[in-house]
Protein backbone atom coordinates (compact mmCIF):
# COMPACT_ATOMS: atom_id res chain seq x y z
CA UNK A 1 0.00 0.00 0.00
CA UNK A 2 1.44 3.36 -0.99
CA UNK A 3 2.01 6.12 1.54
CA UNK A 4 -0.40 9.06 1.66
CA UNK A 5 0.79 12.55 0.58
CA UNK A 6 2.83 14.50 3.08
CA UNK A 7 0.32 17.37 3.42
CA UNK A 8 -0.57 18.15 7.05
CA UNK A 9 -3.52 16.09 8.23
CA UNK A 10 -5.97 16.86 11.03
CA UNK A 11 -4.00 14.62 13.38
CA UNK A 12 -0.77 16.44 12.56
CA UNK A 13 -2.33 19.81 13.32
CA UNK A 14 -3.70 18.38 16.56
CA UNK A 15 -0.27 17.15 17.62
CA UNK A 16 1.27 20.53 16.79
CA UNK A 17 -1.30 22.38 18.89
CA UNK A 18 -0.79 19.91 21.72
CA UNK A 19 2.98 20.45 21.60
CA UNK A 20 2.57 24.23 21.77
CA UNK A 21 0.12 23.98 24.67
CA UNK A 22 2.47 21.64 26.54
CA UNK A 23 5.41 24.01 26.08
CA UNK A 24 3.36 26.97 27.33
CA UNK A 25 2.19 24.97 30.36
CA UNK A 26 5.76 23.97 31.22
CA UNK A 27 6.98 27.56 30.94
CA UNK A 28 4.16 28.74 33.20
CA UNK A 29 4.88 26.01 35.76
CA UNK A 30 8.58 26.88 35.85
CA UNK A 31 7.87 30.55 36.60
CA UNK A 32 8.85 31.97 39.98
CA UNK A 33 5.97 32.29 42.48
CA UNK A 34 6.25 35.16 44.94
CA UNK A 35 4.95 34.63 48.51
CA UNK A 36 1.54 36.19 49.04
CA UNK A 37 0.88 37.46 52.58
CA UNK A 38 -2.61 37.44 54.04
CA UNK A 39 -4.29 40.78 53.54
CA UNK A 40 -5.67 42.61 56.58
CA UNK A 41 -9.35 42.32 55.54
CA UNK A 42 -8.97 38.57 54.98
CA UNK A 43 -7.21 38.21 58.34
CA UNK A 44 -9.91 40.17 60.13
CA UNK A 45 -12.66 38.14 58.49
CA UNK A 46 -10.95 34.86 59.46
CA UNK A 47 -10.49 36.03 63.06
CA UNK A 48 -14.13 37.04 63.32
CA UNK A 49 -15.24 33.70 61.91
CA UNK A 50 -12.98 31.84 64.38
CA UNK A 51 -14.31 33.90 67.31
CA UNK A 52 -17.87 33.07 66.31
CA UNK A 53 -17.02 29.38 65.92
CA UNK A 54 -15.35 29.28 69.35
CA UNK A 55 -18.52 30.55 71.04
CA UNK A 56 -20.94 28.53 68.94
CA UNK A 57 -23.32 26.38 71.05
CA UNK A 58 -21.57 27.49 74.26
CA UNK A 59 -24.10 28.17 77.01
CA UNK A 60 -23.46 31.47 78.82
CA UNK A 61 -22.45 31.43 82.47
CA UNK A 62 -25.48 32.41 84.53
CA UNK A 63 -25.52 32.43 88.30
CA UNK A 64 -22.81 31.27 90.69
CA UNK A 65 -20.47 28.69 89.16
CA UNK A 66 -19.65 25.57 91.16
CA UNK A 67 -16.52 23.44 90.79
CA UNK A 68 -18.50 20.59 89.19
CA UNK A 69 -20.06 23.00 86.69
CA UNK A 70 -16.64 24.45 85.87
CA UNK A 71 -15.22 20.97 85.17
CA UNK A 72 -18.27 20.04 83.08
CA UNK A 73 -17.90 23.23 81.04
CA UNK A 74 -14.21 22.51 80.52
CA UNK A 75 -14.93 18.97 79.35
CA UNK A 76 -17.63 20.15 76.96
CA UNK A 77 -16.31 23.47 75.66
CA UNK A 78 -12.52 23.57 76.16
CA UNK A 79 -10.86 24.12 72.78
CA UNK A 80 -7.79 21.95 73.47
CA UNK A 81 -10.03 19.08 74.50
CA UNK A 82 -12.03 19.48 71.31
CA UNK A 83 -8.79 19.14 69.37
CA UNK A 84 -8.01 15.89 71.22
CA UNK A 85 -11.46 14.53 70.40
CA UNK A 86 -10.91 15.39 66.74
CA UNK A 87 -7.55 13.59 66.77
CA UNK A 88 -9.27 10.47 68.08
CA UNK A 89 -11.98 10.79 65.41
CA UNK A 90 -9.34 11.14 62.68
CA UNK A 91 -7.56 8.03 63.97
CA UNK A 92 -10.86 6.15 63.77
CA UNK A 93 -11.39 7.33 60.19
CA UNK A 94 -7.87 6.20 59.30
CA UNK A 95 -8.79 2.76 60.60
CA UNK A 96 -11.83 2.70 58.30
CA UNK A 97 -9.68 3.74 55.34
CA UNK A 98 -6.95 1.19 56.13
CA UNK A 99 -9.45 -1.66 56.11
CA UNK A 100 -10.22 -0.93 52.46
CA UNK A 101 -6.61 -1.77 51.56
CA UNK A 102 -7.46 -5.46 51.93
CA UNK A 103 -10.06 -5.29 49.14
CA UNK A 104 -9.19 -6.21 45.54
CA UNK A 105 -8.54 -3.34 43.15
CA UNK A 106 -11.20 -2.78 40.50
CA UNK A 107 -9.84 -0.43 37.84
CA UNK A 108 -11.78 1.21 35.02
CA UNK A 109 -9.73 2.66 32.17
CA UNK A 110 -10.67 4.34 28.93
CA UNK A 111 -8.45 5.87 26.30
CA UNK A 112 -8.18 7.28 22.81
CA UNK A 113 -5.22 6.91 20.45
CA UNK A 114 -4.59 8.94 17.30
CA UNK A 115 -1.54 8.68 15.01
CA UNK A 116 -0.54 11.11 12.27
CA UNK A 117 0.30 8.09 10.14
CA UNK A 118 -1.19 4.67 10.16
CA UNK A 119 0.93 1.85 11.55
CA UNK A 120 2.19 0.09 8.41
CA UNK A 121 4.55 -2.91 8.49
CA UNK A 122 6.39 -5.05 5.97
CA UNK A 123 6.09 -8.80 6.06
CA UNK A 124 9.07 -11.14 6.03
CA UNK A 125 8.28 -14.23 3.93
CA UNK A 126 10.05 -17.48 4.55
CA UNK A 127 12.68 -17.68 1.79
CA UNK A 128 16.14 -19.26 1.51
CA UNK A 129 17.60 -15.75 1.42
CA UNK A 130 17.30 -14.50 5.01
CA UNK A 131 16.68 -10.79 5.43
CA UNK A 132 14.66 -10.22 2.31
CA UNK A 133 11.34 -8.49 2.79
CA UNK A 134 8.26 -8.02 0.82
CA UNK A 135 7.92 -4.97 -1.38
CA UNK A 136 4.42 -4.34 -0.12
CA UNK A 137 3.32 -3.16 3.34
CA UNK A 138 0.23 -3.84 5.43
CA UNK A 139 -1.70 -2.15 8.24
CA UNK A 140 -2.16 -3.95 11.56
CA UNK A 141 -4.02 -1.23 13.49
CA UNK A 142 -6.13 1.80 12.76
CA UNK A 143 -4.69 5.30 13.04
CA UNK A 144 -7.25 6.23 15.68
CA UNK A 145 -9.15 3.93 17.98
CA UNK A 146 -10.72 3.89 21.42
CA UNK A 147 -10.03 1.45 24.25
CA UNK A 148 -11.87 0.50 27.44
CA UNK A 149 -10.78 -1.79 30.24
CA UNK A 150 -12.47 -3.06 33.39
CA UNK A 151 -9.96 -5.04 35.45
CA UNK A 152 -10.04 -6.77 38.82
CA UNK A 153 -6.67 -7.30 40.55
CA UNK A 154 -6.22 -9.29 43.74
CA UNK A 155 -2.82 -9.23 45.43
CA UNK A 156 -2.21 -11.77 48.19
CA UNK A 157 0.69 -9.82 49.71
CA UNK A 158 -1.36 -6.61 49.85
CA UNK A 159 -4.12 -8.44 51.70
CA UNK A 160 -1.78 -9.79 54.38
CA UNK A 161 0.04 -6.47 54.77
CA UNK A 162 -3.30 -4.67 54.83
CA UNK A 163 -4.47 -6.82 57.73
CA UNK A 164 -1.37 -5.86 59.73
CA UNK A 165 -1.83 -2.19 58.86
CA UNK A 166 -5.45 -2.38 59.99
CA UNK A 167 -4.35 -3.85 63.34
CA UNK A 168 -1.85 -1.00 63.75
CA UNK A 169 -4.51 1.56 62.88
CA UNK A 170 -6.84 0.00 65.46
CA UNK A 171 -4.12 0.25 68.11
CA UNK A 172 -3.52 3.89 67.14
CA UNK A 173 -7.20 4.57 67.75
CA UNK A 174 -6.73 3.21 71.26
CA UNK A 175 -3.55 5.31 71.65
CA UNK A 176 -5.51 8.41 70.69
CA UNK A 177 -8.09 7.47 73.31
CA UNK A 178 -5.42 7.22 76.00
CA UNK A 179 -4.00 10.60 74.97
CA UNK A 180 -7.49 12.02 75.28
CA UNK A 181 -7.77 10.54 78.79
CA UNK A 182 -4.44 12.07 79.76
CA UNK A 183 -5.48 15.46 78.38
CA UNK A 184 -8.72 15.20 80.36
CA UNK A 185 -6.78 14.56 83.59
CA UNK A 186 -4.52 17.56 82.94
CA UNK A 187 -7.53 19.72 82.15
CA UNK A 188 -9.33 18.74 85.35
CA UNK A 189 -6.17 19.44 87.36
CA UNK A 190 -5.92 22.90 85.86
CA UNK A 191 -9.60 23.63 86.47
CA UNK A 192 -9.39 22.61 90.13
CA UNK A 193 -6.28 24.69 90.75
CA UNK A 194 -7.51 27.81 88.96
CA UNK A 195 -11.00 27.51 90.45
CA UNK A 196 -9.69 27.68 94.01
CA UNK A 197 -7.46 30.60 93.10
CA UNK A 198 -10.51 32.38 91.69
CA UNK A 199 -12.49 31.56 94.84
CA UNK A 200 -9.76 33.03 97.02
CA UNK A 201 -9.66 36.12 94.79
CA UNK A 202 -13.40 36.53 95.11
CA UNK A 203 -13.32 36.12 98.91
CA UNK A 204 -10.30 38.38 99.46
CA UNK A 205 -10.93 41.13 96.94
CA UNK A 206 -13.09 43.31 99.19
CA UNK A 207 -10.84 42.83 102.23
CA UNK A 208 -7.71 43.59 100.21
CA UNK A 209 -9.17 46.81 98.81
CA UNK A 210 -10.39 47.95 102.24
CA UNK A 211 -7.04 47.24 103.87
CA UNK A 212 -5.18 48.95 101.03
CA UNK A 213 -7.27 52.05 101.62
CA UNK A 214 -6.53 51.94 105.36
CA UNK A 215 -2.80 51.51 104.67
CA UNK A 216 -2.77 54.45 102.25
CA UNK A 217 -4.49 56.61 104.87
CA UNK A 218 -2.02 55.49 107.55
CA UNK A 219 0.89 56.25 105.22
CA UNK A 220 -0.49 59.74 104.48
CA UNK A 221 -0.93 60.42 108.21
CA UNK A 222 2.63 59.26 108.92
CA UNK A 223 4.08 61.52 106.25
CA UNK A 224 2.03 64.42 107.57
CA UNK A 225 3.25 63.75 111.10
CA UNK A 226 6.83 63.66 109.84
CA UNK A 227 6.41 66.93 108.01
CA UNK A 228 4.88 68.63 111.05
CA UNK A 229 7.54 67.08 113.31
CA UNK A 230 4.90 65.67 115.66
CA UNK A 231 7.10 62.62 116.22
CA UNK A 232 10.77 61.97 116.10
CA UNK A 233 12.05 61.55 112.52
CA UNK A 234 13.34 58.03 113.19
CA UNK A 235 10.03 56.81 114.63
CA UNK A 236 8.13 58.37 111.74
CA UNK A 237 10.37 56.66 109.18
CA UNK A 238 10.08 53.29 110.92
CA UNK A 239 6.34 53.71 110.97
CA UNK A 240 6.30 54.48 107.25
CA UNK A 241 8.55 51.48 106.58
CA UNK A 242 6.09 49.14 108.28
CA UNK A 243 3.12 50.62 106.41
CA UNK A 244 4.95 50.39 103.07
CA UNK A 245 5.84 46.76 103.76
CA UNK A 246 2.18 46.01 104.42
CA UNK A 247 1.24 47.83 101.20
CA UNK A 248 3.77 45.77 99.25
CA UNK A 249 2.30 42.53 100.61
CA UNK A 250 -1.26 43.62 99.83
CA UNK A 251 -0.36 44.68 96.28
CA UNK A 252 1.43 41.37 95.71
CA UNK A 253 -1.70 39.52 96.86
CA UNK A 254 -3.87 41.59 94.52
CA UNK A 255 -1.55 40.90 91.57
CA UNK A 256 -1.45 37.18 92.29
CA UNK A 257 -5.23 36.92 92.41
CA UNK A 258 -5.93 39.17 89.43
CA UNK A 259 -5.19 36.50 86.77
CA UNK A 260 -7.38 33.72 88.19
CA UNK A 261 -10.58 34.89 86.50
CA UNK A 262 -8.90 35.17 83.09
CA UNK A 263 -7.37 31.68 83.35
CA UNK A 264 -10.67 30.15 84.47
CA UNK A 265 -12.54 31.80 81.58
CA UNK A 266 -9.97 30.39 79.14
CA UNK A 267 -10.33 26.85 80.51
CA UNK A 268 -14.13 26.81 80.33
CA UNK A 269 -14.26 28.75 77.02
CA UNK A 270 -16.09 31.73 78.50
CA UNK A 271 -15.59 35.29 77.21
CA UNK A 272 -12.25 36.51 78.55
CA UNK A 273 -12.78 39.59 80.67
CA UNK A 274 -16.23 38.56 81.83
CA UNK A 275 -16.60 38.54 85.62
CA UNK A 276 -17.55 35.03 86.74
CA UNK A 277 -19.33 34.74 90.07
CA UNK A 278 -18.30 31.59 91.93
CA UNK A 279 -20.50 29.68 94.34
CA UNK A 280 -19.68 29.49 98.01
CA UNK A 281 -17.44 26.45 98.08
CA UNK A 282 -16.88 23.94 100.84
CA UNK A 283 -13.28 24.38 101.95
CA UNK A 284 -13.15 20.99 103.65
CA UNK A 285 -10.89 18.52 101.78
CA UNK A 286 -12.30 15.26 100.52
CA UNK A 287 -12.11 12.05 102.47
CA UNK A 288 -8.74 10.53 103.26
CA UNK A 289 -9.53 7.21 101.56
CA UNK A 290 -6.50 7.51 99.30
CA UNK A 291 -4.24 7.75 102.37
CA UNK A 292 -5.66 4.65 104.08
CA UNK A 293 -5.67 2.24 101.11
CA UNK A 294 -2.57 -0.01 101.00
CA UNK A 295 0.05 1.15 98.51
CA UNK A 296 0.14 -2.27 96.83
CA UNK A 297 -3.52 -1.88 95.91
CA UNK A 298 -2.87 1.59 94.50
CA UNK A 299 0.07 0.30 92.46
CA UNK A 300 -2.03 -2.51 90.98
CA UNK A 301 -4.76 -0.02 90.06
CA UNK A 302 -2.26 2.39 88.49
CA UNK A 303 -0.53 -0.33 86.44
CA UNK A 304 -3.93 -1.35 85.09
CA UNK A 305 -5.48 2.04 84.33
CA UNK A 306 -2.71 4.64 83.91
CA UNK A 307 -3.11 6.35 80.54
CA UNK A 308 0.62 6.72 79.82
CA UNK A 309 1.35 3.08 80.60
CA UNK A 310 -1.59 1.81 78.54
CA UNK A 311 -0.39 3.95 75.64
CA UNK A 312 3.04 2.31 75.81
CA UNK A 313 1.43 -1.15 75.80
CA UNK A 314 -0.38 -0.26 72.58
CA UNK A 315 2.86 1.13 71.11
CA UNK A 316 4.51 -2.24 71.84
CA UNK A 317 1.72 -4.01 69.94
CA UNK A 318 2.20 -1.64 67.00
CA UNK A 319 5.94 -2.38 66.98
CA UNK A 320 5.34 -6.15 67.13
CA UNK A 321 2.89 -5.90 64.22
CA UNK A 322 5.52 -3.96 62.27
CA UNK A 323 7.86 -6.96 62.55
CA UNK A 324 5.19 -9.20 61.01
CA UNK A 325 4.60 -6.67 58.24
CA UNK A 326 8.30 -6.52 57.47
CA UNK A 327 8.60 -10.30 57.30
CA UNK A 328 5.48 -10.54 55.12
CA UNK A 329 6.90 -8.14 52.55
CA UNK A 330 9.89 -10.45 52.11
CA UNK A 331 7.76 -13.33 50.79
CA UNK A 332 6.99 -13.86 47.09
CA UNK A 333 3.99 -11.98 45.83
CA UNK A 334 1.08 -13.80 44.20
CA UNK A 335 -1.36 -11.69 42.20
CA UNK A 336 -4.42 -12.57 40.15
CA UNK A 337 -6.10 -10.34 37.57
CA UNK A 338 -9.20 -10.61 35.43
CA UNK A 339 -10.15 -7.97 32.86
CA UNK A 340 -12.90 -7.14 30.40
CA UNK A 341 -11.37 -5.31 27.42
CA UNK A 342 -12.70 -3.44 24.41
CA UNK A 343 -10.89 -1.88 21.44
CA UNK A 344 -12.58 -0.11 18.52
CA UNK A 345 -9.67 -0.89 16.17
CA UNK A 346 -11.32 -1.80 12.84
CA UNK A 347 -8.50 -4.22 11.97
CA UNK A 348 -9.20 -6.48 14.94
CA UNK A 349 -11.22 -9.60 14.34
CA UNK A 350 -12.65 -9.44 17.88
CA UNK A 351 -13.18 -6.00 19.37
CA UNK A 352 -13.97 -7.23 22.89
CA UNK A 353 -12.39 -10.05 24.88
CA UNK A 354 -11.64 -11.24 28.44
CA UNK A 355 -8.21 -11.72 29.99
CA UNK A 356 -7.16 -13.63 33.09
CA UNK A 357 -3.71 -13.96 34.55
CA UNK A 358 -1.80 -15.31 37.50
CA UNK A 359 1.60 -13.86 38.39
CA UNK A 360 4.23 -14.81 40.95
CA UNK A 361 6.99 -12.29 41.66
CA UNK A 362 9.86 -12.05 44.07
CA UNK A 363 12.37 -9.28 44.65
CA UNK A 364 15.77 -10.97 44.74
CA UNK A 365 17.28 -8.04 46.65
CA UNK A 366 15.13 -9.12 49.62
CA UNK A 367 17.66 -11.92 50.11
CA UNK A 368 20.23 -9.25 50.97
CA UNK A 369 18.11 -6.53 52.60
CA UNK A 370 15.64 -8.81 54.40
CA UNK A 371 17.76 -9.61 57.49
CA UNK A 372 18.59 -5.93 57.97
CA UNK A 373 14.92 -4.94 57.72
CA UNK A 374 13.93 -7.59 60.26
CA UNK A 375 16.66 -6.45 62.66
CA UNK A 376 15.43 -2.87 62.39
CA UNK A 377 11.84 -3.91 63.10
CA UNK A 378 12.91 -6.00 66.08
CA UNK A 379 14.96 -3.08 67.37
CA UNK A 380 11.74 -1.07 67.31
CA UNK A 381 10.09 -3.74 69.46
CA UNK A 382 13.00 -3.65 71.93
CA UNK A 383 12.76 0.15 72.08
CA UNK A 384 9.00 0.00 72.70
CA UNK A 385 9.53 -2.56 75.47
CA UNK A 386 12.20 -0.40 77.07
CA UNK A 387 9.95 2.65 76.94
CA UNK A 388 7.12 0.64 78.50
CA UNK A 389 9.34 -0.48 81.37
CA UNK A 390 10.61 3.06 81.89
CA UNK A 391 7.04 4.34 81.90
CA UNK A 392 6.04 1.71 84.45
CA UNK A 393 8.85 2.80 86.75
CA UNK A 394 7.85 6.44 86.26
CA UNK A 395 4.21 5.66 87.03
CA UNK A 396 5.06 3.84 90.27
CA UNK A 397 7.42 6.65 91.28
CA UNK A 398 4.87 9.35 90.51
CA UNK A 399 2.24 7.39 92.43
CA UNK A 400 4.35 7.33 95.59
CA UNK A 401 5.24 11.00 95.18
CA UNK A 402 1.62 11.98 94.58
CA UNK A 403 0.50 10.18 97.70
CA UNK A 404 3.23 11.85 99.76
CA UNK A 405 2.29 15.22 98.27
CA UNK A 406 -1.35 14.64 99.17
CA UNK A 407 -0.42 13.71 102.71
CA UNK A 408 1.81 16.78 103.09
CA UNK A 409 -0.76 19.07 101.45
CA UNK A 410 -3.49 17.95 103.84
CA UNK A 411 -1.17 18.56 106.80
CA UNK A 412 -0.28 22.01 105.46
CA UNK A 413 -3.95 22.83 105.03
CA UNK A 414 -4.73 21.82 108.61
CA UNK A 415 -1.92 24.05 109.84
CA UNK A 416 -2.94 26.96 107.59
CA UNK A 417 -6.55 26.61 108.73
CA UNK A 418 -5.51 26.79 112.40
CA UNK A 419 -3.27 29.83 111.78
CA UNK A 420 -6.09 31.61 109.93
CA UNK A 421 -8.48 30.99 112.81
CA UNK A 422 -6.03 32.56 115.28
CA UNK A 423 -5.23 35.54 113.01
CA UNK A 424 -8.91 36.15 112.43
CA UNK A 425 -9.57 36.31 116.18
CA UNK A 426 -6.66 38.71 116.63
CA UNK A 427 -7.98 40.95 113.84
CA UNK A 428 -11.45 40.95 115.42
CA UNK A 429 -9.97 42.00 118.76
CA UNK A 430 -7.93 44.79 117.15
CA UNK A 431 -11.01 46.12 115.37
CA UNK A 432 -12.93 46.17 118.65
CA UNK A 433 -10.13 48.07 120.41
CA UNK A 434 -9.37 50.49 117.58
CA UNK A 435 -8.79 54.12 118.62
CA UNK A 436 -7.81 57.27 116.79
CA UNK A 437 -4.09 56.98 117.53
CA UNK A 438 -1.75 56.31 114.61
CA UNK A 439 -0.18 53.37 116.35
CA UNK A 440 -3.59 51.74 116.67
CA UNK A 441 -4.27 52.33 112.98
CA UNK A 442 -0.92 50.72 112.14
CA UNK A 443 -1.79 47.76 114.33
CA UNK A 444 -5.07 47.35 112.53
CA UNK A 445 -3.43 47.55 109.10
CA UNK A 446 -0.77 45.03 110.15
CA UNK A 447 -3.28 42.61 111.63
CA UNK A 448 -5.70 42.96 108.72
CA UNK A 449 -2.83 42.23 106.34
CA UNK A 450 -1.80 39.22 108.41
CA UNK A 451 -5.37 37.90 108.42
CA UNK A 452 -5.63 38.33 104.64
CA UNK A 453 -2.31 36.51 104.18
CA UNK A 454 -3.50 33.70 106.43
CA UNK A 455 -6.74 33.35 104.47
CA UNK A 456 -4.81 33.40 101.19
CA UNK A 457 -2.42 30.70 102.44
CA UNK A 458 -5.42 28.70 103.59
CA UNK A 459 -6.91 28.78 100.09
CA UNK A 460 -3.51 28.08 98.58
CA UNK A 461 -3.10 25.06 100.83
CA UNK A 462 -6.58 23.87 99.84
CA UNK A 463 -5.67 24.33 96.18
CA UNK A 464 -2.55 22.23 96.75
CA UNK A 465 -4.70 19.51 98.33
CA UNK A 466 -6.95 19.40 95.26
CA UNK A 467 -3.92 19.51 92.96
CA UNK A 468 -2.30 16.58 94.78
CA UNK A 469 -5.58 14.66 94.64
CA UNK A 470 -5.86 15.35 90.90
CA UNK A 471 -2.32 14.09 90.32
CA UNK A 472 -3.03 10.95 92.29
CA UNK A 473 -6.26 10.41 90.35
CA UNK A 474 -4.39 10.87 87.07
CA UNK A 475 -1.70 8.38 88.09
CA UNK A 476 -4.34 5.86 89.09
CA UNK A 477 -6.15 6.38 85.80
CA UNK A 478 -9.43 7.26 87.49
CA UNK A 479 -11.83 9.64 85.83
CA UNK A 480 -15.57 10.24 85.89
CA UNK A 481 -17.54 7.83 83.74
CA UNK A 482 -19.07 10.23 81.27
CA UNK A 483 -20.75 9.74 77.92
CA UNK A 484 -20.26 11.70 74.76
CA UNK A 485 -19.74 15.35 75.62
CA UNK A 486 -21.28 16.32 72.30
CA UNK A 487 -24.53 14.45 72.93
CA UNK A 488 -24.94 15.21 76.66
CA UNK A 489 -26.36 18.51 77.81
CA UNK A 490 -24.35 20.65 80.20
CA UNK A 491 -26.67 19.76 83.10
CA UNK A 492 -26.34 16.02 82.39
CA UNK A 493 -22.57 16.29 82.11
CA UNK A 494 -22.39 18.22 85.39
CA UNK A 495 -24.36 15.47 87.11
CA UNK A 496 -22.01 12.80 85.77
CA UNK A 497 -18.93 14.73 86.90
CA UNK A 498 -20.21 14.81 90.48
CA UNK A 499 -19.32 12.02 92.84
CA UNK A 500 -16.50 10.70 94.95
CA UNK A 501 -13.52 9.77 92.74
CA UNK A 502 -12.23 7.40 95.45
CA UNK A 503 -15.35 5.21 95.46
CA UNK A 504 -13.63 2.70 93.18
CA UNK A 505 -11.02 2.01 95.88
CA UNK A 506 -13.69 0.65 98.20
CA UNK A 507 -15.43 -1.44 95.53
CA UNK A 508 -15.10 -5.26 95.62
CA UNK A 509 -13.17 -5.24 92.32
CA UNK A 510 -10.46 -3.03 93.82
CA UNK A 511 -9.96 -5.24 96.87
């Protein structure tokens, strides 16, 4: 068959246009991209949208806030906790996606082929003179044709490796759950500590302001007396020194208490700057059950429930599964495929047909790299085991320290409570005996300041008791049994948060 004239055909023009378009696209892709900063209007709009999203579905604080309500609000609305819940949800979705890796692959393909010249070939007849060819040519395929392919591929190695990956993904879901538990313990510790600081600020604010006013008046009187030389200069300066020292202590107390409201609002996702009224709280520490239970029982409970230790156990399982995955990849791969094919080529006798195949493959380099890969995977298992043992030692150590801290904190609270009672009686007596003399006013300022310091130390000691209890609860892995914070209302969640956290220690299972 003779060759067609060399005039440009439609296919040739198409290929030329495609070449030009490809060159333009490559030149555009290779161009330098300058960094584009966020414009101020876009930044403001994003910040406003984030602020609205942070407060979405958050119930406003109405009425006095109790400690249980504060913890329930933190569990439901705290932004860091929401992030932890999302991490756990993402890990669960990854598990769902990983399970699909074990399914066969079903591929659908379609294509179109166009040549500027038809595929012509010469035949080679069987003749005594090797290398001679026929003077005529023939076409074996059309210049343009369409193809379609529906193929099912099943890979045995992918199935086995996919099962191991799914087990690892399931363990990572459990790891995310343990991280969420640990974050919940830390959050509840912070809420307890900040709540008692805010309570002390609320109780002391009025007394601090009143005493500051008295101290300022006493300081003004002392300076006036010095100026008028009503007293000896040395006595007047000593008097001013004592008043200034009391002022310094009162201002330090005011500064220490001023941040409690802001920190509490941040933890419970309330508007920062809003004044939160706190309920009259019981300042009596919880029962001393944790101090009477044998340490062996506490250690057994901690080794069973501690979030950090459970996370390391799951990490060990992930490392062990990685060894099995590594060994599986070293085996020969067996794959099976079955396809339904179609080709519109007019030179084909059959335009549609079915194909089936079975293939066995093996990477010979696995004979050299396999032992090294297995050693690396086993080293990961040894590392995970070592981390688990180190975590167990840390958990037991922290448990003993937390119990000692709780014991010491309760003793410090008892002492601070007794000192406050005495200082309060002294302040009451000084108020009853107050006279117009400057020395009496100084005595009142000094005793009022001492009483405020005693009350502050009492609340600080109580806060340390709750902090030590929270640390012990976290080490033991105890937390309130709550449902989904997204489905429960705030009132229901508050009710579930209430209760004695040490009740489990007296249950038959804990004995």
